[in-house]
Amino acid sequence: MRAKREFRNREGTEVAILDELVDRADDGMTVFELRAAVEVDIDELEEALSTLKDDDLIVVESGNETVIKPADRVVPDEPTDEDDERSIGDWLRERIPF
């Protein structure tokens, strides 16, 4: 599943993080899991997480380990067919780093 359309106009790393978190919305992900899933260096990941946190698009829960979850407003109410369809812009963003 992908993040809601209104949150897809962000920087590529931020969108990738939101998409990964939406896929695991119930359990959340650790920073290490996110880093492996998004495949960016730790500095870029940290900057993107900071921006997402400032914009209230992620929730950080501390316990035995720190877990990051998407904010409720980022998670689609139900999967739609558009989740499987990517726009040309999305495809280009994945292929050509900007």
PDB file of N, CA and C in Angstrom:
ATOM      1  N   MET A   1       0.847  -1.166   0.000  1.00  0.00           N
ATOM      2  CA  MET A   1       0.000   0.000   0.000  1.00  0.00           C
ATOM      3  C   MET A   1       0.898   1.237   0.000  1.00  0.00           C
ATOM      4  N   ARG A   2       0.370   2.280  -0.556  1.00  0.00           N
ATOM      5  CA  ARG A   2       1.138   3.523  -0.631  1.00  0.00           C
ATOM      6  C   ARG A   2       0.456   4.601   0.195  1.00  0.00           C
ATOM      7  N   ALA A   3       1.237   5.609   0.551  1.00  0.00           N
ATOM      8  CA  ALA A   3       0.703   6.746   1.292  1.00  0.00           C
ATOM      9  C   ALA A   3      -0.341   7.464   0.436  1.00  0.00           C
ATOM     10  N   LYS A   4      -1.219   8.200   1.088  1.00  0.00           N
ATOM     11  CA  LYS A   4      -2.249   8.933   0.358  1.00  0.00           C
ATOM     12  C   LYS A   4      -1.623   9.865  -0.674  1.00  0.00           C
ATOM     13  N   ARG A   5      -2.368  10.090  -1.727  1.00  0.00           N
ATOM     14  CA  ARG A   5      -1.891  10.892  -2.856  1.00  0.00           C
ATOM     15  C   ARG A   5      -1.417  12.280  -2.437  1.00  0.00           C
ATOM     16  N   GLU A   6      -2.080  12.906  -1.486  1.00  0.00           N
ATOM     17  CA  GLU A   6      -1.707  14.277  -1.102  1.00  0.00           C
ATOM     18  C   GLU A   6      -0.336  14.359  -0.434  1.00  0.00           C
ATOM     19  N   PHE A   7       0.239  13.214  -0.056  1.00  0.00           N
ATOM     20  CA  PHE A   7       1.560  13.205   0.568  1.00  0.00           C
ATOM     21  C   PHE A   7       2.641  12.697  -0.375  1.00  0.00           C
ATOM     22  N   ARG A   8       2.328  12.547  -1.652  1.00  0.00           N
ATOM     23  CA  ARG A   8       3.260  11.973  -2.607  1.00  0.00           C
ATOM     24  C   ARG A   8       4.075  13.024  -3.356  1.00  0.00           C
ATOM     25  N   ASN A   9       3.844  14.310  -3.088  1.00  0.00           N
ATOM     26  CA  ASN A   9       4.560  15.379  -3.785  1.00  0.00           C
ATOM     27  C   ASN A   9       5.775  15.848  -2.993  1.00  0.00           C
ATOM     28  N   ARG A  10       6.290  15.007  -2.129  1.00  0.00           N
ATOM     29  CA  ARG A  10       7.434  15.336  -1.282  1.00  0.00           C
ATOM     30  C   ARG A  10       8.703  14.799  -1.929  1.00  0.00           C
ATOM     31  N   GLU A  11       9.823  15.064  -1.293  1.00  0.00           N
ATOM     32  CA  GLU A  11      11.122  14.569  -1.755  1.00  0.00           C
ATOM     33  C   GLU A  11      11.082  13.038  -1.799  1.00  0.00           C
ATOM     34  N   GLY A  12      11.809  12.443  -2.737  1.00  0.00           N
ATOM     35  CA  GLY A  12      11.758  11.003  -2.993  1.00  0.00           C
ATOM     36  C   GLY A  12      11.993  10.126  -1.780  1.00  0.00           C
ATOM     37  N   THR A  13      12.966  10.479  -0.952  1.00  0.00           N
ATOM     38  CA  THR A  13      13.257   9.681   0.240  1.00  0.00           C
ATOM     39  C   THR A  13      12.086   9.744   1.219  1.00  0.00           C
ATOM     40  N   GLU A  14      11.478  10.890   1.357  1.00  0.00           N
ATOM     41  CA  GLU A  14      10.345  11.038   2.262  1.00  0.00           C
ATOM     42  C   GLU A  14       9.168  10.183   1.797  1.00  0.00           C
ATOM     43  N   VAL A  15       8.891  10.173   0.499  1.00  0.00           N
ATOM     44  CA  VAL A  15       7.803   9.365  -0.046  1.00  0.00           C
ATOM     45  C   VAL A  15       8.106   7.885   0.154  1.00  0.00           C
ATOM     46  N   ALA A  16       9.341   7.482  -0.081  1.00  0.00           N
ATOM     47  CA  ALA A  16       9.724   6.080   0.103  1.00  0.00           C
ATOM     48  C   ALA A  16       9.543   5.657   1.565  1.00  0.00           C
ATOM     49  N   ILE A  17       9.914   6.527   2.490  1.00  0.00           N
ATOM     50  CA  ILE A  17       9.743   6.238   3.920  1.00  0.00           C
ATOM     51  C   ILE A  17       8.258   6.099   4.247  1.00  0.00           C
ATOM     52  N   LEU A  18       7.451   7.036   3.787  1.00  0.00           N
ATOM     53  CA  LEU A  18       6.018   6.970   4.069  1.00  0.00           C
ATOM     54  C   LEU A  18       5.393   5.702   3.498  1.00  0.00           C
ATOM     55  N   ASP A  19       5.777   5.320   2.283  1.00  0.00           N
ATOM     56  CA  ASP A  19       5.243   4.106   1.674  1.00  0.00           C
ATOM     57  C   ASP A  19       5.615   2.873   2.489  1.00  0.00           C
ATOM     58  N   GLU A  20       6.865   2.790   2.924  1.00  0.00           N
ATOM     59  CA  GLU A  20       7.299   1.648   3.739  1.00  0.00           C
ATOM     60  C   GLU A  20       6.552   1.612   5.064  1.00  0.00           C
ATOM     61  N   LEU A  21       6.375   2.771   5.683  1.00  0.00           N
ATOM     62  CA  LEU A  21       5.674   2.820   6.963  1.00  0.00           C
ATOM     63  C   LEU A  21       4.196   2.475   6.820  1.00  0.00           C
ATOM     64  N   VAL A  22       3.576   2.905   5.730  1.00  0.00           N
ATOM     65  CA  VAL A  22       2.170   2.577   5.497  1.00  0.00           C
ATOM     66  C   VAL A  22       2.006   1.065   5.345  1.00  0.00           C
ATOM     67  N   ASP A  23       2.965   0.418   4.700  1.00  0.00           N
ATOM     68  CA  ASP A  23       2.907  -1.042   4.556  1.00  0.00           C
ATOM     69  C   ASP A  23       2.952  -1.749   5.905  1.00  0.00           C
ATOM     70  N   ARG A  24       3.604  -1.140   6.875  1.00  0.00           N
ATOM     71  CA  ARG A  24       3.727  -1.743   8.208  1.00  0.00           C
ATOM     72  C   ARG A  24       3.145  -0.817   9.273  1.00  0.00           C
ATOM     73  N   ALA A  25       1.993  -0.248   8.966  1.00  0.00           N
ATOM     74  CA  ALA A  25       1.379   0.766   9.828  1.00  0.00           C
ATOM     75  C   ALA A  25       1.096   0.254  11.237  1.00  0.00           C
ATOM     76  N   ASP A  26       0.703  -0.987  11.379  1.00  0.00           N
ATOM     77  CA  ASP A  26       0.353  -1.510  12.701  1.00  0.00           C
ATOM     78  C   ASP A  26       1.579  -1.733  13.574  1.00  0.00           C
ATOM     79  N   ASP A  27       2.626  -2.310  12.989  1.00  0.00           N
ATOM     80  CA  ASP A  27       3.831  -2.654  13.757  1.00  0.00           C
ATOM     81  C   ASP A  27       4.845  -1.527  13.807  1.00  0.00           C
ATOM     82  N   GLY A  28       4.887  -0.701  12.767  1.00  0.00           N
ATOM     83  CA  GLY A  28       5.916   0.325  12.663  1.00  0.00           C
ATOM     84  C   GLY A  28       7.251  -0.285  12.272  1.00  0.00           C
ATOM     85  N   MET A  29       8.255   0.534  12.191  1.00  0.00           N
ATOM     86  CA  MET A  29       9.586   0.086  11.792  1.00  0.00           C
ATOM     87  C   MET A  29      10.634   0.808  12.622  1.00  0.00           C
ATOM     88  N   THR A  30      11.759   0.132  12.837  1.00  0.00           N
ATOM     89  CA  THR A  30      12.885   0.782  13.499  1.00  0.00           C
ATOM     90  C   THR A  30      13.664   1.557  12.442  1.00  0.00           C
ATOM     91  N   VAL A  31      14.571   2.386  12.887  1.00  0.00           N
ATOM     92  CA  VAL A  31      15.414   3.145  11.956  1.00  0.00           C
ATOM     93  C   VAL A  31      16.221   2.187  11.087  1.00  0.00           C
ATOM     94  N   PHE A  32      16.715   1.093  11.672  1.00  0.00           N
ATOM     95  CA  PHE A  32      17.509   0.137  10.915  1.00  0.00           C
ATOM     96  C   PHE A  32      16.679  -0.552   9.842  1.00  0.00           C
ATOM     97  N   GLU A  33      15.428  -0.898  10.168  1.00  0.00           N
ATOM     98  CA  GLU A  33      14.547  -1.509   9.177  1.00  0.00           C
ATOM     99  C   GLU A  33      14.245  -0.525   8.052  1.00  0.00           C
ATOM    100  N   LEU A  34      14.000   0.728   8.413  1.00  0.00           N
ATOM    101  CA  LEU A  34      13.743   1.753   7.397  1.00  0.00           C
ATOM    102  C   LEU A  34      14.944   1.960   6.489  1.00  0.00           C
ATOM    103  N   ARG A  35      16.108   2.008   7.090  1.00  0.00           N
ATOM    104  CA  ARG A  35      17.327   2.227   6.304  1.00  0.00           C
ATOM    105  C   ARG A  35      17.520   1.103   5.291  1.00  0.00           C
ATOM    106  N   ALA A  36      17.275  -0.125   5.695  1.00  0.00           N
ATOM    107  CA  ALA A  36      17.403  -1.267   4.789  1.00  0.00           C
ATOM    108  C   ALA A  36      16.337  -1.239   3.696  1.00  0.00           C
ATOM    109  N   ALA A  37      15.120  -0.851   4.061  1.00  0.00           N
ATOM    110  CA  ALA A  37      14.023  -0.847   3.100  1.00  0.00           C
ATOM    111  C   ALA A  37      14.140   0.281   2.089  1.00  0.00           C
ATOM    112  N   VAL A  38      14.571   1.449   2.532  1.00  0.00           N
ATOM    113  CA  VAL A  38      14.628   2.620   1.663  1.00  0.00           C
ATOM    114  C   VAL A  38      15.959   2.699   0.923  1.00  0.00           C
ATOM    115  N   GLU A  39      16.995   2.084   1.477  1.00  0.00           N
ATOM    116  CA  GLU A  39      18.322   2.019   0.853  1.00  0.00           C
ATOM    117  C   GLU A  39      18.932   3.396   0.601  1.00  0.00           C
ATOM    118  N   VAL A  40      18.985   4.206   1.647  1.00  0.00           N
ATOM    119  CA  VAL A  40      19.672   5.496   1.582  1.00  0.00           C
ATOM    120  C   VAL A  40      20.671   5.551   2.724  1.00  0.00           C
ATOM    121  N   ASP A  41      21.608   6.482   2.650  1.00  0.00           N
ATOM    122  CA  ASP A  41      22.574   6.581   3.746  1.00  0.00           C
ATOM    123  C   ASP A  41      21.890   7.179   4.973  1.00  0.00           C
ATOM    124  N   ILE A  42      22.502   6.984   6.103  1.00  0.00           N
ATOM    125  CA  ILE A  42      21.899   7.351   7.382  1.00  0.00           C
ATOM    126  C   ILE A  42      21.647   8.853   7.501  1.00  0.00           C
ATOM    127  N   ASP A  43      22.520   9.673   6.923  1.00  0.00           N
ATOM    128  CA  ASP A  43      22.321  11.127   6.985  1.00  0.00           C
ATOM    129  C   ASP A  43      21.073  11.554   6.220  1.00  0.00           C
ATOM    130  N   GLU A  44      20.879  10.989   5.036  1.00  0.00           N
ATOM    131  CA  GLU A  44      19.698  11.315   4.231  1.00  0.00           C
ATOM    132  C   GLU A  44      18.435  10.817   4.920  1.00  0.00           C
ATOM    133  N   LEU A  45      18.508   9.631   5.510  1.00  0.00           N
ATOM    134  CA  LEU A  45      17.371   9.077   6.241  1.00  0.00           C
ATOM    135  C   LEU A  45      17.017   9.951   7.442  1.00  0.00           C
ATOM    136  N   GLU A  46      18.033  10.362   8.184  1.00  0.00           N
ATOM    137  CA  GLU A  46      17.820  11.201   9.368  1.00  0.00           C
ATOM    138  C   GLU A  46      17.177  12.538   8.988  1.00  0.00           C
ATOM    139  N   GLU A  47      17.643  13.131   7.913  1.00  0.00           N
ATOM    140  CA  GLU A  47      17.083  14.413   7.458  1.00  0.00           C
ATOM    141  C   GLU A  47      15.623  14.251   7.042  1.00  0.00           C
ATOM    142  N   ALA A  48      15.330  13.180   6.296  1.00  0.00           N
ATOM    143  CA  ALA A  48      13.958  12.940   5.854  1.00  0.00           C
ATOM    144  C   ALA A  48      13.037  12.659   7.042  1.00  0.00           C
ATOM    145  N   LEU A  49      13.501  11.861   7.999  1.00  0.00           N
ATOM    146  CA  LEU A  49      12.697  11.577   9.189  1.00  0.00           C
ATOM    147  C   LEU A  49      12.432  12.839   9.999  1.00  0.00           C
ATOM    148  N   SER A  50      13.425  13.690  10.093  1.00  0.00           N
ATOM    149  CA  SER A  50      13.270  14.949  10.816  1.00  0.00           C
ATOM    150  C   SER A  50      12.202  15.823  10.161  1.00  0.00           C
ATOM    151  N   THR A  51      12.243  15.915   8.843  1.00  0.00           N
ATOM    152  CA  THR A  51      11.258  16.703   8.103  1.00  0.00           C
ATOM    153  C   THR A  51       9.856  16.129   8.275  1.00  0.00           C
ATOM    154  N   LEU A  52       9.741  14.802   8.167  1.00  0.00           N
ATOM    155  CA  LEU A  52       8.442  14.152   8.332  1.00  0.00           C
ATOM    156  C   LEU A  52       7.895  14.345   9.751  1.00  0.00           C
ATOM    157  N   LYS A  53       8.774  14.288  10.726  1.00  0.00           N
ATOM    158  CA  LYS A  53       8.360  14.488  12.125  1.00  0.00           C
ATOM    159  C   LYS A  53       7.895  15.936  12.337  1.00  0.00           C
ATOM    160  N   ASP A  54       8.640  16.898  11.791  1.00  0.00           N
ATOM    161  CA  ASP A  54       8.261  18.307  11.911  1.00  0.00           C
ATOM    162  C   ASP A  54       6.899  18.586  11.269  1.00  0.00           C
ATOM    163  N   ASP A  55       6.596  17.857  10.193  1.00  0.00           N
ATOM    164  CA  ASP A  55       5.331  18.036   9.486  1.00  0.00           C
ATOM    165  C   ASP A  55       4.214  17.150  10.050  1.00  0.00           C
ATOM    166  N   ASP A  56       4.489  16.468  11.153  1.00  0.00           N
ATOM    167  CA  ASP A  56       3.517  15.585  11.824  1.00  0.00           C
ATOM    168  C   ASP A  56       2.986  14.480  10.913  1.00  0.00           C
ATOM    169  N   LEU A  57       3.874  13.912  10.093  1.00  0.00           N
ATOM    170  CA  LEU A  57       3.473  12.818   9.209  1.00  0.00           C
ATOM    171  C   LEU A  57       3.916  11.458   9.744  1.00  0.00           C
ATOM    172  N   ILE A  58       4.751  11.464  10.779  1.00  0.00           N
ATOM    173  CA  ILE A  58       5.164  10.220  11.425  1.00  0.00           C
ATOM    174  C   ILE A  58       5.033  10.379  12.938  1.00  0.00           C
ATOM    175  N   VAL A  59       4.932   9.230  13.604  1.00  0.00           N
ATOM    176  CA  VAL A  59       4.841   9.185  15.058  1.00  0.00           C
ATOM    177  C   VAL A  59       5.979   8.303  15.545  1.00  0.00           C
ATOM    178  N   VAL A  60       6.728   8.778  16.525  1.00  0.00           N
ATOM    179  CA  VAL A  60       7.847   8.020  17.078  1.00  0.00           C
ATOM    180  C   VAL A  60       7.437   7.525  18.457  1.00  0.00           C
ATOM    181  N   GLU A  61       7.439   6.196  18.615  1.00  0.00           N
ATOM    182  CA  GLU A  61       7.072   5.587  19.889  1.00  0.00           C
ATOM    183  C   GLU A  61       8.312   4.969  20.521  1.00  0.00           C
ATOM    184  N   SER A  62       8.569   5.329  21.754  1.00  0.00           N
ATOM    185  CA  SER A  62       9.722   4.787  22.472  1.00  0.00           C
ATOM    186  C   SER A  62       9.242   3.753  23.469  1.00  0.00           C
ATOM    187  N   GLY A  63       9.966   2.676  23.553  1.00  0.00           N
ATOM    188  CA  GLY A  63       9.677   1.601  24.497  1.00  0.00           C
ATOM    189  C   GLY A  63      10.954   0.802  24.642  1.00  0.00           C
ATOM    190  N   ASN A  64      10.861  -0.498  24.453  1.00  0.00           N
ATOM    191  CA  ASN A  64      12.069  -1.315  24.439  1.00  0.00           C
ATOM    192  C   ASN A  64      12.985  -0.889  23.305  1.00  0.00           C
ATOM    193  N   GLU A  65      12.384  -0.528  22.189  1.00  0.00           N
ATOM    194  CA  GLU A  65      13.126   0.040  21.068  1.00  0.00           C
ATOM    195  C   GLU A  65      12.266   1.118  20.432  1.00  0.00           C
ATOM    196  N   THR A  66      12.898   2.038  19.765  1.00  0.00           N
ATOM    197  CA  THR A  66      12.172   3.138  19.130  1.00  0.00           C
ATOM    198  C   THR A  66      11.551   2.650  17.834  1.00  0.00           C
ATOM    199  N   VAL A  67      10.256   2.860  17.702  1.00  0.00           N
ATOM    200  CA  VAL A  67       9.513   2.417  16.527  1.00  0.00           C
ATOM    201  C   VAL A  67       8.867   3.644  15.886  1.00  0.00           C
ATOM    202  N   ILE A  68       8.942   3.692  14.577  1.00  0.00           N
ATOM    203  CA  ILE A  68       8.376   4.810  13.819  1.00  0.00           C
ATOM    204  C   ILE A  68       7.153   4.296  13.069  1.00  0.00           C
ATOM    205  N   LYS A  69       6.049   5.042  13.174  1.00  0.00           N
ATOM    206  CA  LYS A  69       4.805   4.686  12.507  1.00  0.00           C
ATOM    207  C   LYS A  69       4.310   5.888  11.713  1.00  0.00           C
ATOM    208  N   PRO A  70       3.512   5.633  10.683  1.00  0.00           N
ATOM    209  CA  PRO A  70       2.935   6.767   9.953  1.00  0.00           C
ATOM    210  C   PRO A  70       1.805   7.390  10.760  1.00  0.00           C
ATOM    211  N   ALA A  71       1.617   8.681  10.614  1.00  0.00           N
ATOM    212  CA  ALA A  71       0.470   9.347  11.229  1.00  0.00           C
ATOM    213  C   ALA A  71      -0.800   8.800  10.575  1.00  0.00           C
ATOM    214  N   ASP A  72      -1.878   8.772  11.316  1.00  0.00           N
ATOM    215  CA  ASP A  72      -3.134   8.204  10.807  1.00  0.00           C
ATOM    216  C   ASP A  72      -3.585   8.862   9.511  1.00  0.00           C
ATOM    217  N   ARG A  73      -3.337  10.153   9.370  1.00  0.00           N
ATOM    218  CA  ARG A  73      -3.819  10.867   8.176  1.00  0.00           C
ATOM    219  C   ARG A  73      -3.050  10.496   6.908  1.00  0.00           C
ATOM    220  N   VAL A  74      -1.922   9.795   7.050  1.00  0.00           N
ATOM    221  CA  VAL A  74      -1.113   9.390   5.897  1.00  0.00           C
ATOM    222  C   VAL A  74      -1.591   8.047   5.340  1.00  0.00           C
ATOM    223  N   VAL A  75      -2.179   7.217   6.198  1.00  0.00           N
ATOM    224  CA  VAL A  75      -2.591   5.864   5.815  1.00  0.00           C
ATOM    225  C   VAL A  75      -3.942   5.925   5.106  1.00  0.00           C
ATOM    226  N   PRO A  76      -4.025   5.348   3.892  1.00  0.00           N
ATOM    227  CA  PRO A  76      -5.311   5.330   3.187  1.00  0.00           C
ATOM    228  C   PRO A  76      -6.348   4.538   3.981  1.00  0.00           C
ATOM    229  N   ASP A  77      -7.618   4.922   3.858  1.00  0.00           N
ATOM    230  CA  ASP A  77      -8.689   4.236   4.574  1.00  0.00           C
ATOM    231  C   ASP A  77      -8.812   2.789   4.132  1.00  0.00           C
ATOM    232  N   GLU A  78      -8.651   2.560   2.843  1.00  0.00           N
ATOM    233  CA  GLU A  78      -8.686   1.200   2.310  1.00  0.00           C
ATOM    234  C   GLU A  78      -7.860   1.162   1.040  1.00  0.00           C
ATOM    235  N   PRO A  79      -7.308  -0.011   0.731  1.00  0.00           N
ATOM    236  CA  PRO A  79      -6.513  -0.112  -0.499  1.00  0.00           C
ATOM    237  C   PRO A  79      -7.392   0.154  -1.718  1.00  0.00           C
ATOM    238  N   THR A  80      -6.812   0.821  -2.689  1.00  0.00           N
ATOM    239  CA  THR A  80      -7.538   1.092  -3.931  1.00  0.00           C
ATOM    240  C   THR A  80      -6.718   0.591  -5.100  1.00  0.00           C
ATOM    241  N   ASP A  81      -7.345   0.565  -6.256  1.00  0.00           N
ATOM    242  CA  ASP A  81      -6.638   0.132  -7.459  1.00  0.00           C
ATOM    243  C   ASP A  81      -5.514   1.088  -7.813  1.00  0.00           C
ATOM    244  N   GLU A  82      -5.628   2.346  -7.416  1.00  0.00           N
ATOM    245  CA  GLU A  82      -4.588   3.313  -7.741  1.00  0.00           C
ATOM    246  C   GLU A  82      -3.297   3.020  -6.995  1.00  0.00           C
ATOM    247  N   ASP A  83      -3.345   2.190  -5.942  1.00  0.00           N
ATOM    248  CA  ASP A  83      -2.125   1.800  -5.242  1.00  0.00           C
ATOM    249  C   ASP A  83      -1.197   1.023  -6.168  1.00  0.00           C
ATOM    250  N   ASP A  84      -1.792   0.277  -7.100  1.00  0.00           N
ATOM    251  CA  ASP A  84      -0.997  -0.536  -8.008  1.00  0.00           C
ATOM    252  C   ASP A  84      -0.531   0.253  -9.224  1.00  0.00           C
ATOM    253  N   GLU A  85      -1.154   1.382  -9.471  1.00  0.00           N
ATOM    254  CA  GLU A  85      -0.813   2.193 -10.624  1.00  0.00           C
ATOM    255  C   GLU A  85       0.134   3.306 -10.204  1.00  0.00           C
ATOM    256  N   ARG A  86       1.215   3.447 -10.973  1.00  0.00           N
ATOM    257  CA  ARG A  86       2.156   4.534 -10.709  1.00  0.00           C
ATOM    258  C   ARG A  86       2.080   5.521 -11.856  1.00  0.00           C
ATOM    259  N   SER A  87       2.225   6.766 -11.520  1.00  0.00           N
ATOM    260  CA  SER A  87       2.251   7.770 -12.566  1.00  0.00           C
ATOM    261  C   SER A  87       3.630   7.746 -13.226  1.00  0.00           C
ATOM    262  N   ILE A  88       3.734   8.378 -14.358  1.00  0.00           N
ATOM    263  CA  ILE A  88       5.022   8.461 -15.043  1.00  0.00           C
ATOM    264  C   ILE A  88       6.018   9.206 -14.170  1.00  0.00           C
ATOM    265  N   GLY A  89       5.546  10.226 -13.460  1.00  0.00           N
ATOM    266  CA  GLY A  89       6.416  10.977 -12.558  1.00  0.00           C
ATOM    267  C   GLY A  89       6.972  10.102 -11.444  1.00  0.00           C
ATOM    268  N   ASP A  90       6.111   9.250 -10.866  1.00  0.00           N
ATOM    269  CA  ASP A  90       6.580   8.327  -9.823  1.00  0.00           C
ATOM    270  C   ASP A  90       7.623   7.369 -10.386  1.00  0.00           C
ATOM    271  N   TRP A  91       7.346   6.847 -11.569  1.00  0.00           N
ATOM    272  CA  TRP A  91       8.282   5.912 -12.193  1.00  0.00           C
ATOM    273  C   TRP A  91       9.631   6.579 -12.452  1.00  0.00           C
ATOM    274  N   LEU A  92       9.603   7.817 -12.957  1.00  0.00           N
ATOM    275  CA  LEU A  92      10.843   8.545 -13.228  1.00  0.00           C
ATOM    276  C   LEU A  92      11.605   8.844 -11.938  1.00  0.00           C
ATOM    277  N   ARG A  93      10.882   9.232 -10.880  1.00  0.00           N
ATOM    278  CA  ARG A  93      11.528   9.507  -9.596  1.00  0.00           C
ATOM    279  C   ARG A  93      12.269   8.283  -9.074  1.00  0.00           C
ATOM    280  N   GLU A  94      11.690   7.101  -9.286  1.00  0.00           N
ATOM    281  CA  GLU A  94      12.344   5.869  -8.817  1.00  0.00           C
ATOM    282  C   GLU A  94      13.574   5.546  -9.651  1.00  0.00           C
ATOM    283  N   ARG A  95      13.521   5.860 -10.933  1.00  0.00           N
ATOM    284  CA  ARG A  95      14.606   5.485 -11.840  1.00  0.00           C
ATOM    285  C   ARG A  95      15.743   6.506 -11.899  1.00  0.00           C
ATOM    286  N   ILE A  96      15.382   7.786 -11.834  1.00  0.00           N
ATOM    287  CA  ILE A  96      16.371   8.842 -11.992  1.00  0.00           C
ATOM    288  C   ILE A  96      16.424   9.651 -10.705  1.00  0.00           C
ATOM    289  N   PRO A  97      17.521   9.588  -9.971  1.00  0.00           N
ATOM    290  CA  PRO A  97      17.599  10.356  -8.728  1.00  0.00           C
ATOM    291  C   PRO A  97      17.684  11.864  -9.009  1.00  0.00           C
ATOM    292  N   PHE A  98      16.850  12.612  -8.317  1.00  0.00           N
ATOM    293  CA  PHE A  98      16.850  14.063  -8.479  1.00  0.00           C
ATOM    294  C   PHE A  98      17.459  14.699  -7.283  1.00  0.00           C
TER     295      PHE A  98
END
